[in-house]
């Protein structure tokens, strides 16, 4: 799981931002990339799908393919500021093999910051279809207009949410390789522990 002092520091960081995670919800990883890999490993069998919104961080494809999963990319448009399409368009791309929605907020490479309405829409969709929501929030400190809201502040997502975080962007410490995966879902936590071992 990682060093206790580091887990406690991360727990306090999130508490200061209004998110109540227990030490047992936090797993230290070798950077944000490993956290993403563990999420894919814990959720997907070969042939399963992870929905992302295009354009997206190119390594998501690599992480999925490494374990036989597929990326199901939903197109966004520059004319809409890369904001999400409506719920009907998203739901139309969900298949029986879809296991998760992977959302980077703020977006990489677009920089889009999703609105509360978009977050509520994604929350409703993942709960309706019993999907995991992998929230890659490594850029959360880079919001300059208004306050950032994490998916971790939405209690209705407790069973669905996996937060990916890293010190790399926040502290310009890419070489430190310190990341974490956070989830309150106890069944998922069992799978994550297997990955960590």
Protein backbone atom coordinates (compact mmCIF):
# COMPACT_ATOMS: atom_id res chain seq x y z
CA UNK A 1 0.00 0.00 0.00
CA UNK A 2 2.91 2.37 0.58
CA UNK A 3 4.53 4.19 3.46
CA UNK A 4 2.12 5.19 6.21
CA UNK A 5 3.44 8.74 6.49
CA UNK A 6 2.87 9.31 2.77
CA UNK A 7 -0.63 7.85 2.87
CA UNK A 8 -1.42 10.14 5.81
CA UNK A 9 -0.04 13.20 3.98
CA UNK A 10 -2.24 12.39 0.97
CA UNK A 11 -5.26 11.81 3.21
CA UNK A 12 -4.74 15.24 4.83
CA UNK A 13 -4.29 16.90 1.42
CA UNK A 14 -7.66 15.57 0.31
CA UNK A 15 -9.32 16.44 3.63
CA UNK A 16 -8.23 20.06 3.15
CA UNK A 17 -10.06 19.96 -0.18
CA UNK A 18 -13.27 18.64 1.37
CA UNK A 19 -12.79 14.94 0.60
CA UNK A 20 -12.95 12.34 3.33
CA UNK A 21 -10.82 9.33 2.45
CA UNK A 22 -9.59 6.74 4.93
CA UNK A 23 -6.02 5.49 4.87
CA UNK A 24 -7.38 2.15 3.57
CA UNK A 25 -8.76 3.94 0.49
CA UNK A 26 -5.31 5.16 -0.64
CA UNK A 27 -2.69 3.07 -2.45
CA UNK A 28 0.73 4.53 -3.27
CA UNK A 29 1.99 3.86 -6.79
CA UNK A 30 5.13 4.43 -8.81
CA UNK A 31 3.69 7.58 -10.40
CA UNK A 32 0.32 8.32 -11.95
CA UNK A 33 0.97 5.98 -14.87
CA UNK A 34 1.22 2.96 -12.61
CA UNK A 35 -1.99 4.05 -10.89
CA UNK A 36 -3.73 4.07 -14.27
CA UNK A 37 -2.27 0.67 -15.13
CA UNK A 38 -3.53 -0.77 -11.83
CA UNK A 39 -7.01 0.64 -12.52
CA UNK A 40 -7.09 -1.09 -15.92
CA UNK A 41 -5.77 -4.35 -14.43
CA UNK A 42 -8.34 -4.28 -11.63
CA UNK A 43 -11.30 -3.59 -13.91
CA UNK A 44 -10.72 -5.21 -17.28
CA UNK A 45 -10.51 -8.63 -18.83
CA UNK A 46 -9.19 -8.99 -22.39
CA UNK A 47 -11.71 -7.51 -24.81
CA UNK A 48 -13.25 -5.14 -22.27
CA UNK A 49 -13.54 -1.45 -23.08
CA UNK A 50 -12.69 1.82 -21.41
CA UNK A 51 -14.51 4.91 -22.66
CA UNK A 52 -12.44 8.08 -23.08
CA UNK A 53 -13.10 11.47 -24.66
CA UNK A 54 -11.02 12.42 -27.67
CA UNK A 55 -8.52 14.04 -27.86
CA UNK A 56 -6.99 12.24 -24.89
CA UNK A 57 -3.61 11.41 -23.35
CA UNK A 58 -2.05 9.00 -25.86
CA UNK A 59 -0.67 6.60 -23.23
CA UNK A 60 -4.23 5.60 -22.25
CA UNK A 61 -4.24 3.44 -25.38
CA UNK A 62 -0.96 1.80 -24.36
CA UNK A 63 -2.16 1.11 -20.82
CA UNK A 64 -5.36 -0.53 -22.12
CA UNK A 65 -3.68 -2.61 -24.83
CA UNK A 66 -1.11 -3.90 -22.35
CA UNK A 67 -3.89 -5.93 -20.74
CA UNK A 68 -5.97 -6.71 -23.82
CA UNK A 69 -8.53 -3.97 -23.18
CA UNK A 70 -9.73 -1.51 -25.81
CA UNK A 71 -10.19 2.24 -25.84
CA UNK A 72 -13.65 3.40 -26.93
CA UNK A 73 -13.12 7.05 -27.89
CA UNK A 74 -16.02 9.50 -27.88
CA UNK A 75 -15.32 12.54 -30.04
CA UNK A 76 -15.39 16.08 -28.64
CA UNK A 77 -14.99 19.22 -30.72
CA UNK A 78 -12.88 22.34 -30.58
CA UNK A 79 -15.96 24.39 -31.51
CA UNK A 80 -17.53 23.28 -28.21
CA UNK A 81 -14.33 23.95 -26.26
CA UNK A 82 -13.84 20.16 -26.02
CA UNK A 83 -16.74 19.90 -23.60
CA UNK A 84 -18.62 16.62 -23.39
CA UNK A 85 -21.38 15.62 -25.78
CA UNK A 86 -24.85 15.10 -24.33
CA UNK A 87 -25.81 12.04 -22.32
CA UNK A 88 -27.58 10.36 -25.25
CA UNK A 89 -24.44 10.52 -27.40
CA UNK A 90 -22.31 9.08 -24.60
CA UNK A 91 -24.78 6.33 -23.71
CA UNK A 92 -25.03 5.33 -27.38
CA UNK A 93 -21.36 4.26 -27.25
CA UNK A 94 -21.66 2.12 -24.12
CA UNK A 95 -21.48 -1.59 -24.94
CA UNK A 96 -21.78 -4.76 -22.82
CA UNK A 97 -17.95 -4.78 -22.67
CA UNK A 98 -17.65 -1.21 -21.32
CA UNK A 99 -16.18 -1.37 -17.82
CA UNK A 100 -15.22 2.23 -17.12
CA UNK A 101 -15.29 5.85 -18.17
CA UNK A 102 -11.83 7.44 -17.98
CA UNK A 103 -11.97 11.20 -17.70
CA UNK A 104 -9.06 13.62 -17.33
CA UNK A 105 -10.15 16.76 -15.51
CA UNK A 106 -8.69 19.25 -16.31
CA UNK A 107 -8.25 17.72 -19.72
CA UNK A 108 -4.95 16.65 -21.23
CA UNK A 109 -4.14 17.80 -23.90
CA UNK A 110 -7.13 20.15 -24.24
CA UNK A 111 -7.09 21.94 -20.88
CA UNK A 112 -10.88 21.79 -20.69
CA UNK A 113 -12.31 21.98 -17.16
CA UNK A 114 -15.63 20.18 -16.98
CA UNK A 115 -18.65 22.02 -15.62
CA UNK A 116 -20.70 20.84 -12.67
CA UNK A 117 -23.45 19.88 -15.11
CA UNK A 118 -21.02 17.68 -17.05
CA UNK A 119 -19.77 16.07 -13.85
CA UNK A 120 -23.35 15.39 -12.74
CA UNK A 121 -24.11 13.87 -16.16
CA UNK A 122 -21.09 11.54 -16.00
CA UNK A 123 -21.99 10.60 -12.42
CA UNK A 124 -25.51 9.65 -13.49
CA UNK A 125 -24.27 7.63 -16.48
CA UNK A 126 -21.70 5.56 -14.58
CA UNK A 127 -24.22 4.81 -11.84
CA UNK A 128 -26.96 3.93 -14.35
CA UNK A 129 -24.72 1.43 -16.16
CA UNK A 130 -22.73 0.32 -13.08
CA UNK A 131 -19.43 1.49 -14.57
CA UNK A 132 -16.28 2.60 -12.84
CA UNK A 133 -15.30 6.24 -13.21
CA UNK A 134 -11.54 6.63 -13.43
CA UNK A 135 -10.91 10.30 -12.69
CA UNK A 136 -7.40 11.33 -13.72
CA UNK A 137 -7.05 14.53 -11.70
CA UNK A 138 -3.30 15.12 -11.82
CA UNK A 139 -3.82 18.64 -13.23
CA UNK A 140 -6.32 19.78 -10.57
CA UNK A 141 -4.01 22.55 -9.32
CA UNK A 142 -3.95 24.16 -12.78
CA UNK A 143 -7.38 25.79 -12.72
CA UNK A 144 -7.18 29.56 -12.88
CA UNK A 145 -10.82 30.58 -13.37
CA UNK A 146 -12.95 29.69 -10.37
CA UNK A 147 -12.61 26.80 -7.95
CA UNK A 148 -11.84 23.26 -9.06
CA UNK A 149 -14.25 20.53 -8.02
CA UNK A 150 -13.09 16.94 -7.82
CA UNK A 151 -15.31 13.95 -8.49
CA UNK A 152 -14.19 12.96 -4.99
CA UNK A 153 -16.56 15.59 -3.55
CA UNK A 154 -19.58 13.72 -4.96
CA UNK A 155 -20.65 11.16 -2.32
CA UNK A 156 -23.02 9.38 -4.69
CA UNK A 157 -19.94 8.13 -6.60
CA UNK A 158 -18.40 6.30 -3.63
CA UNK A 159 -18.88 2.84 -5.19
CA UNK A 160 -17.85 3.86 -8.72
CA UNK A 161 -15.00 6.32 -8.34
CA UNK A 162 -11.29 5.70 -8.78
CA UNK A 163 -9.12 8.81 -8.44
CA UNK A 164 -5.71 8.88 -10.10
CA UNK A 165 -3.25 11.39 -8.67
CA UNK A 166 0.45 12.21 -8.77
CA UNK A 167 2.86 14.76 -7.37
CA UNK A 168 4.46 15.10 -10.82
CA UNK A 169 2.45 18.03 -12.15
CA UNK A 170 1.52 19.70 -8.88
CA UNK A 171 5.10 20.01 -7.60
CA UNK A 172 7.03 19.76 -10.89
CA UNK A 173 8.44 16.50 -9.57
CA UNK A 174 8.07 14.12 -12.51
CA UNK A 175 11.24 12.23 -11.61
CA UNK A 176 9.98 11.48 -8.09
CA UNK A 177 7.51 8.85 -9.41
CA UNK A 178 5.04 9.27 -6.55
CA UNK A 179 1.41 8.68 -7.39
CA UNK A 180 -1.65 7.12 -5.88
CA UNK A 181 -4.91 5.42 -6.66
CA UNK A 182 -7.85 6.17 -4.39
CA UNK A 183 -11.14 4.31 -4.12
CA UNK A 184 -13.74 3.65 -1.42
CA UNK A 185 -14.93 0.53 -3.24
CA UNK A 186 -13.73 -2.34 -1.06
CA UNK A 187 -14.04 -5.02 -3.75
CA UNK A 188 -11.97 -2.90 -6.10
CA UNK A 189 -9.48 -2.30 -3.29
CA UNK A 190 -8.90 -6.07 -3.05
CA UNK A 191 -8.00 -6.14 -6.74
CA UNK A 192 -5.73 -3.11 -6.40
CA UNK A 193 -3.85 -4.77 -3.53
CA UNK A 194 -3.20 -7.78 -5.79
CA UNK A 195 -1.77 -5.41 -8.41
CA UNK A 196 0.43 -3.72 -5.82
CA UNK A 197 1.84 -7.08 -4.75
